[in-house]
N, C-alpha and C. Protein backbone atom coordinates (compact mmCIF):
# COMPACT_ATOMS: atom_id res chain seq x y z
N MET A 1 -12.55 26.34 20.12
CA MET A 1 -11.14 26.53 20.40
C MET A 1 -10.88 28.01 20.60
N SER A 2 -10.21 28.33 21.69
CA SER A 2 -9.94 29.74 21.98
C SER A 2 -8.84 30.27 21.07
N SER A 3 -8.75 31.59 20.98
CA SER A 3 -7.71 32.20 20.13
C SER A 3 -6.32 31.88 20.68
N GLU A 4 -6.22 31.71 21.98
CA GLU A 4 -4.93 31.33 22.59
C GLU A 4 -4.53 29.93 22.14
N ASP A 5 -5.50 28.99 22.12
CA ASP A 5 -5.22 27.64 21.64
C ASP A 5 -4.82 27.65 20.18
N ARG A 6 -5.51 28.45 19.37
CA ARG A 6 -5.19 28.54 17.94
C ARG A 6 -3.76 29.04 17.72
N ALA A 7 -3.34 29.98 18.54
CA ALA A 7 -1.99 30.54 18.39
C ALA A 7 -0.92 29.49 18.66
N LYS A 8 -1.24 28.50 19.49
CA LYS A 8 -0.28 27.45 19.83
C LYS A 8 -0.19 26.38 18.74
N LYS A 9 -1.20 26.25 17.92
CA LYS A 9 -1.23 25.21 16.90
C LYS A 9 -0.61 25.71 15.61
N ASN A 10 -0.04 24.79 14.84
CA ASN A 10 0.49 25.20 13.55
C ASN A 10 -0.59 25.07 12.48
N ASP A 11 -0.26 25.46 11.26
CA ASP A 11 -1.24 25.48 10.18
C ASP A 11 -1.89 24.13 9.93
N LEU A 12 -1.11 23.07 9.92
CA LEU A 12 -1.65 21.75 9.63
C LEU A 12 -2.64 21.31 10.70
N ALA A 13 -2.29 21.52 11.95
CA ALA A 13 -3.20 21.17 13.04
C ALA A 13 -4.51 21.95 12.91
N LEU A 14 -4.41 23.22 12.54
CA LEU A 14 -5.62 24.03 12.35
C LEU A 14 -6.45 23.54 11.17
N LEU A 15 -5.80 23.08 10.12
CA LEU A 15 -6.52 22.55 8.96
C LEU A 15 -7.25 21.25 9.30
N LEU A 16 -6.67 20.46 10.19
CA LEU A 16 -7.26 19.16 10.53
C LEU A 16 -8.39 19.27 11.56
N GLU A 17 -8.46 20.36 12.31
CA GLU A 17 -9.50 20.52 13.34
C GLU A 17 -10.92 20.40 12.79
N PRO A 18 -11.28 21.13 11.70
CA PRO A 18 -12.64 21.00 11.18
C PRO A 18 -12.95 19.58 10.70
N LEU A 19 -11.95 18.91 10.13
CA LEU A 19 -12.15 17.53 9.69
C LEU A 19 -12.40 16.64 10.90
N LYS A 20 -11.65 16.85 11.96
CA LYS A 20 -11.82 16.08 13.18
C LYS A 20 -13.26 16.23 13.70
N GLU A 21 -13.78 17.44 13.66
CA GLU A 21 -15.15 17.70 14.11
C GLU A 21 -16.17 17.02 13.21
N ARG A 22 -15.94 17.07 11.89
CA ARG A 22 -16.86 16.41 10.94
C ARG A 22 -16.85 14.90 11.12
N LEU A 23 -15.67 14.33 11.30
CA LEU A 23 -15.56 12.88 11.46
C LEU A 23 -16.30 12.39 12.69
N ALA A 24 -16.31 13.20 13.74
CA ALA A 24 -16.96 12.81 14.99
C ALA A 24 -18.44 12.52 14.80
N GLU A 25 -19.04 13.10 13.77
CA GLU A 25 -20.48 12.94 13.52
C GLU A 25 -20.80 11.79 12.57
N MET A 26 -19.78 11.10 12.05
CA MET A 26 -19.99 10.08 11.02
C MET A 26 -19.88 8.66 11.59
N SER A 27 -20.44 7.71 10.84
CA SER A 27 -20.23 6.31 11.17
C SER A 27 -18.79 5.95 10.81
N ASP A 28 -18.30 4.82 11.31
CA ASP A 28 -16.93 4.42 11.01
C ASP A 28 -16.71 4.26 9.51
N GLU A 29 -17.64 3.65 8.81
CA GLU A 29 -17.50 3.46 7.36
C GLU A 29 -17.46 4.80 6.63
N GLU A 30 -18.28 5.75 7.07
CA GLU A 30 -18.26 7.09 6.46
C GLU A 30 -16.92 7.77 6.72
N LYS A 31 -16.37 7.57 7.91
CA LYS A 31 -15.06 8.14 8.24
C LYS A 31 -14.01 7.59 7.29
N PHE A 32 -14.03 6.27 7.10
CA PHE A 32 -13.05 5.64 6.22
C PHE A 32 -13.16 6.18 4.79
N LYS A 33 -14.38 6.25 4.29
CA LYS A 33 -14.59 6.75 2.92
C LYS A 33 -14.14 8.20 2.79
N THR A 34 -14.43 9.01 3.78
CA THR A 34 -14.06 10.43 3.75
C THR A 34 -12.55 10.60 3.74
N VAL A 35 -11.86 9.89 4.61
CA VAL A 35 -10.40 10.01 4.70
C VAL A 35 -9.75 9.51 3.41
N ILE A 36 -10.25 8.42 2.86
CA ILE A 36 -9.71 7.91 1.59
C ILE A 36 -9.98 8.90 0.46
N SER A 37 -11.18 9.45 0.43
CA SER A 37 -11.55 10.41 -0.61
C SER A 37 -10.67 11.66 -0.55
N LEU A 38 -10.41 12.15 0.65
CA LEU A 38 -9.62 13.38 0.81
C LEU A 38 -8.12 13.17 0.65
N PHE A 39 -7.62 12.01 1.08
CA PHE A 39 -6.17 11.83 1.16
C PHE A 39 -5.61 10.68 0.33
N GLY A 40 -6.46 10.03 -0.47
CA GLY A 40 -5.98 9.01 -1.40
C GLY A 40 -5.18 7.90 -0.75
N ARG A 41 -3.98 7.67 -1.28
CA ARG A 41 -3.11 6.58 -0.81
C ARG A 41 -2.83 6.68 0.70
N ARG A 42 -2.57 7.88 1.18
CA ARG A 42 -2.33 8.06 2.62
C ARG A 42 -3.57 7.67 3.43
N GLY A 43 -4.73 8.06 2.91
CA GLY A 43 -5.98 7.72 3.58
C GLY A 43 -6.21 6.22 3.63
N LYS A 44 -5.95 5.53 2.52
CA LYS A 44 -6.10 4.06 2.49
C LYS A 44 -5.18 3.39 3.49
N LYS A 45 -3.95 3.88 3.54
CA LYS A 45 -2.96 3.33 4.47
C LYS A 45 -3.40 3.56 5.92
N ALA A 46 -3.95 4.72 6.21
CA ALA A 46 -4.42 5.04 7.56
C ALA A 46 -5.60 4.15 7.95
N VAL A 47 -6.54 3.98 7.02
CA VAL A 47 -7.70 3.12 7.29
C VAL A 47 -7.24 1.69 7.57
N GLN A 48 -6.31 1.20 6.77
CA GLN A 48 -5.81 -0.16 6.99
C GLN A 48 -5.12 -0.28 8.35
N ALA A 49 -4.37 0.73 8.73
CA ALA A 49 -3.70 0.72 10.03
C ALA A 49 -4.72 0.67 11.17
N ILE A 50 -5.82 1.39 11.03
CA ILE A 50 -6.88 1.36 12.04
C ILE A 50 -7.50 -0.04 12.10
N LYS A 51 -7.77 -0.61 10.93
CA LYS A 51 -8.35 -1.96 10.88
C LYS A 51 -7.39 -3.00 11.46
N ASP A 52 -6.09 -2.74 11.34
CA ASP A 52 -5.07 -3.64 11.89
C ASP A 52 -4.78 -3.37 13.36
N ASN A 53 -5.54 -2.45 13.96
CA ASN A 53 -5.38 -2.09 15.38
C ASN A 53 -3.98 -1.58 15.72
N THR A 54 -3.47 -0.68 14.91
CA THR A 54 -2.18 -0.06 15.19
C THR A 54 -2.21 0.56 16.58
N GLN A 55 -1.17 0.29 17.35
CA GLN A 55 -1.11 0.80 18.72
C GLN A 55 -0.74 2.28 18.73
N ILE A 56 -1.47 3.03 19.54
CA ILE A 56 -1.20 4.45 19.73
C ILE A 56 -1.05 4.70 21.22
N LEU A 57 0.02 5.37 21.58
CA LEU A 57 0.28 5.71 22.97
C LEU A 57 0.24 7.23 23.11
N LYS A 58 -0.20 7.70 24.27
CA LYS A 58 -0.27 9.14 24.53
C LYS A 58 0.46 9.44 25.83
N VAL A 59 1.29 10.46 25.81
CA VAL A 59 1.97 10.89 27.03
C VAL A 59 0.95 11.61 27.92
N LYS A 60 0.86 11.18 29.16
CA LYS A 60 -0.11 11.76 30.10
C LYS A 60 0.03 13.28 30.17
N ASN A 61 -1.11 13.96 30.10
CA ASN A 61 -1.19 15.42 30.24
C ASN A 61 -0.43 16.21 29.19
N LYS A 62 -0.14 15.58 28.06
CA LYS A 62 0.57 16.27 26.98
C LYS A 62 -0.05 15.86 25.64
N PRO A 63 -0.04 16.76 24.64
CA PRO A 63 -0.58 16.40 23.32
C PRO A 63 0.48 15.69 22.47
N VAL A 64 1.15 14.72 23.09
CA VAL A 64 2.24 13.98 22.43
C VAL A 64 1.84 12.52 22.33
N TYR A 65 1.93 11.98 21.11
CA TYR A 65 1.50 10.61 20.84
C TYR A 65 2.63 9.83 20.19
N LEU A 66 2.55 8.52 20.32
CA LEU A 66 3.48 7.62 19.66
C LEU A 66 2.65 6.63 18.86
N VAL A 67 2.80 6.65 17.55
CA VAL A 67 2.09 5.70 16.69
C VAL A 67 3.09 4.60 16.36
N ARG A 68 2.73 3.37 16.73
CA ARG A 68 3.62 2.23 16.52
C ARG A 68 3.54 1.80 15.07
N GLY A 69 4.65 1.93 14.36
CA GLY A 69 4.72 1.51 12.97
C GLY A 69 5.20 0.07 12.86
N LYS A 70 5.26 -0.43 11.63
CA LYS A 70 5.74 -1.80 11.41
C LYS A 70 7.21 -1.93 11.78
N GLN A 71 7.98 -0.90 11.46
CA GLN A 71 9.41 -0.95 11.73
C GLN A 71 9.86 0.08 12.76
N LEU A 72 9.22 1.23 12.79
CA LEU A 72 9.60 2.30 13.70
C LEU A 72 8.37 2.86 14.41
N ASP A 73 8.61 3.61 15.45
CA ASP A 73 7.55 4.34 16.14
C ASP A 73 7.69 5.80 15.76
N TYR A 74 6.55 6.49 15.60
CA TYR A 74 6.56 7.87 15.16
C TYR A 74 5.91 8.77 16.19
N VAL A 75 6.55 9.89 16.46
CA VAL A 75 6.05 10.86 17.42
C VAL A 75 5.15 11.85 16.69
N ILE A 76 3.97 12.06 17.24
CA ILE A 76 3.05 13.07 16.72
C ILE A 76 2.78 14.06 17.84
N ILE A 77 2.89 15.33 17.50
CA ILE A 77 2.62 16.38 18.48
C ILE A 77 1.39 17.14 18.02
N ASP A 78 0.32 16.98 18.78
CA ASP A 78 -0.92 17.75 18.60
C ASP A 78 -1.43 17.80 17.15
N LEU A 79 -1.32 16.71 16.42
CA LEU A 79 -1.74 16.59 15.02
C LEU A 79 -1.00 17.53 14.07
N GLY A 80 -0.08 18.33 14.59
CA GLY A 80 0.61 19.30 13.74
C GLY A 80 2.01 18.91 13.34
N TYR A 81 2.52 17.80 13.88
CA TYR A 81 3.88 17.37 13.57
C TYR A 81 3.95 15.86 13.66
N CYS A 82 4.72 15.25 12.77
CA CYS A 82 5.04 13.83 12.87
C CYS A 82 6.53 13.68 12.58
N SER A 83 7.15 12.73 13.23
CA SER A 83 8.59 12.53 13.07
C SER A 83 8.95 11.68 11.85
N CYS A 84 7.97 11.32 11.02
CA CYS A 84 8.26 10.46 9.86
C CYS A 84 8.88 11.25 8.70
N GLU A 85 9.49 10.52 7.80
CA GLU A 85 10.14 11.13 6.63
C GLU A 85 9.15 11.82 5.70
N ASP A 86 7.97 11.22 5.52
CA ASP A 86 6.95 11.80 4.64
C ASP A 86 6.54 13.19 5.12
N PHE A 87 6.31 13.33 6.42
CA PHE A 87 5.95 14.63 6.98
C PHE A 87 7.08 15.63 6.74
N TYR A 88 8.30 15.22 7.01
CA TYR A 88 9.46 16.11 6.83
C TYR A 88 9.59 16.58 5.38
N LEU A 89 9.50 15.64 4.45
CA LEU A 89 9.65 16.00 3.03
C LEU A 89 8.56 16.96 2.57
N ASN A 90 7.32 16.65 2.90
CA ASN A 90 6.20 17.46 2.40
C ASN A 90 6.01 18.78 3.15
N ASN A 91 6.07 18.73 4.45
CA ASN A 91 5.73 19.91 5.24
C ASN A 91 6.92 20.82 5.54
N VAL A 92 8.07 20.24 5.73
CA VAL A 92 9.25 21.05 6.06
C VAL A 92 9.98 21.47 4.79
N LEU A 93 10.37 20.50 3.98
CA LEU A 93 11.16 20.84 2.79
C LEU A 93 10.34 21.48 1.68
N ARG A 94 9.15 20.94 1.40
CA ARG A 94 8.33 21.45 0.29
C ARG A 94 7.38 22.56 0.72
N GLY A 95 7.21 22.76 2.01
CA GLY A 95 6.36 23.83 2.50
C GLY A 95 4.87 23.59 2.32
N LEU A 96 4.48 22.33 2.14
CA LEU A 96 3.06 21.99 1.98
C LEU A 96 2.42 21.82 3.36
N SER A 97 1.12 21.72 3.40
CA SER A 97 0.39 21.37 4.62
C SER A 97 -0.37 20.09 4.34
N VAL A 98 0.36 18.98 4.38
CA VAL A 98 -0.20 17.67 4.03
C VAL A 98 0.03 16.72 5.20
N PRO A 99 -1.03 16.13 5.76
CA PRO A 99 -0.81 15.19 6.85
C PRO A 99 -0.22 13.88 6.33
N CYS A 100 0.62 13.27 7.13
CA CYS A 100 1.13 11.94 6.80
C CYS A 100 0.09 10.92 7.27
N TYR A 101 0.31 9.67 6.92
CA TYR A 101 -0.69 8.68 7.30
C TYR A 101 -0.71 8.43 8.80
N HIS A 102 0.39 8.66 9.50
CA HIS A 102 0.40 8.48 10.96
C HIS A 102 -0.54 9.50 11.62
N GLN A 103 -0.54 10.73 11.11
CA GLN A 103 -1.45 11.75 11.63
C GLN A 103 -2.90 11.36 11.34
N LEU A 104 -3.14 10.79 10.17
CA LEU A 104 -4.49 10.35 9.82
C LEU A 104 -4.93 9.18 10.69
N VAL A 105 -4.00 8.29 11.03
CA VAL A 105 -4.32 7.19 11.94
C VAL A 105 -4.77 7.75 13.28
N LEU A 106 -4.02 8.72 13.80
CA LEU A 106 -4.39 9.33 15.08
C LEU A 106 -5.73 10.03 14.98
N LEU A 107 -5.95 10.77 13.91
CA LEU A 107 -7.21 11.48 13.70
C LEU A 107 -8.39 10.50 13.69
N LEU A 108 -8.25 9.41 12.95
CA LEU A 108 -9.31 8.40 12.90
C LEU A 108 -9.51 7.75 14.26
N ALA A 109 -8.42 7.37 14.91
CA ALA A 109 -8.53 6.71 16.22
C ALA A 109 -9.25 7.60 17.22
N GLN A 110 -8.91 8.88 17.23
CA GLN A 110 -9.57 9.81 18.15
C GLN A 110 -11.06 9.95 17.82
N SER A 111 -11.38 10.04 16.54
CA SER A 111 -12.78 10.24 16.15
C SER A 111 -13.61 8.99 16.38
N MET A 112 -12.96 7.82 16.42
CA MET A 112 -13.67 6.57 16.62
C MET A 112 -13.70 6.14 18.08
N GLY A 113 -13.05 6.91 18.94
CA GLY A 113 -13.00 6.55 20.35
C GLY A 113 -12.16 5.30 20.60
N LYS A 114 -11.18 5.07 19.74
CA LYS A 114 -10.30 3.90 19.91
C LYS A 114 -9.49 4.06 21.19
N ASN A 115 -9.11 2.93 21.74
CA ASN A 115 -8.32 2.94 22.96
C ASN A 115 -6.91 3.47 22.67
N ILE A 116 -6.59 4.58 23.29
CA ILE A 116 -5.25 5.17 23.19
C ILE A 116 -4.66 5.09 24.59
N GLU A 117 -3.66 4.25 24.73
CA GLU A 117 -3.06 4.00 26.04
C GLU A 117 -2.24 5.20 26.50
N GLU A 118 -2.46 5.62 27.75
CA GLU A 118 -1.67 6.72 28.30
C GLU A 118 -0.44 6.16 28.99
N ILE A 119 0.69 6.82 28.76
CA ILE A 119 1.95 6.41 29.36
C ILE A 119 2.63 7.62 29.99
N SER A 120 3.57 7.34 30.89
CA SER A 120 4.32 8.42 31.53
C SER A 120 5.41 8.92 30.58
N VAL A 121 5.98 10.06 30.92
CA VAL A 121 7.09 10.61 30.13
C VAL A 121 8.24 9.61 30.12
N HIS A 122 8.50 8.99 31.25
CA HIS A 122 9.58 8.00 31.34
C HIS A 122 9.32 6.82 30.39
N GLU A 123 8.10 6.30 30.40
CA GLU A 123 7.77 5.19 29.48
C GLU A 123 7.91 5.63 28.02
N PHE A 124 7.52 6.86 27.74
CA PHE A 124 7.67 7.41 26.39
C PHE A 124 9.14 7.42 25.98
N GLN A 125 9.99 7.87 26.88
CA GLN A 125 11.43 7.90 26.60
C GLN A 125 11.96 6.49 26.35
N LEU A 126 11.48 5.51 27.11
CA LEU A 126 11.91 4.13 26.90
C LEU A 126 11.49 3.62 25.52
N HIS A 127 10.25 3.92 25.12
CA HIS A 127 9.78 3.52 23.79
C HIS A 127 10.64 4.15 22.70
N LEU A 128 10.95 5.42 22.87
CA LEU A 128 11.78 6.11 21.87
C LEU A 128 13.17 5.52 21.79
N SER A 129 13.77 5.24 22.94
CA SER A 129 15.13 4.71 22.91
C SER A 129 15.16 3.32 22.29
N LYS A 130 14.12 2.50 22.51
CA LYS A 130 14.04 1.18 21.87
C LYS A 130 13.87 1.34 20.36
N SER A 131 13.06 2.30 19.98
CA SER A 131 12.78 2.53 18.56
C SER A 131 14.03 3.00 17.82
N LEU A 132 14.87 3.76 18.50
CA LEU A 132 16.06 4.32 17.87
C LEU A 132 17.26 3.37 17.87
N SER A 133 17.18 2.31 18.67
CA SER A 133 18.33 1.40 18.73
C SER A 133 18.23 0.26 17.75
């Protein structure tokens, strides 16, 4: 990663990069164990979401993702931001650098080569408006 790319990422995204690289070298079971070991309850929830084939959408040519939740859809930007309440409470209000389980789902899906459907910006907007209504 170039220094210019690093400057664009926030602290959490930078913290997750080495983990992303390590996960790429592991078997799926090792990935699951590692994420659970590092992140506890959030890790277990992320692993279960992967096993349940949680749908992940990516906006074409942008580091913007939509993780389909049971009740809502969550926007993730470049592993450094999630629109969920857990991310807001821990990272914004408390000033921690803790990934939410949606970010861990994306991290696992990317490391496992899971199918992440690409959508247009317009389709992304439609998904968001449905999620908010």
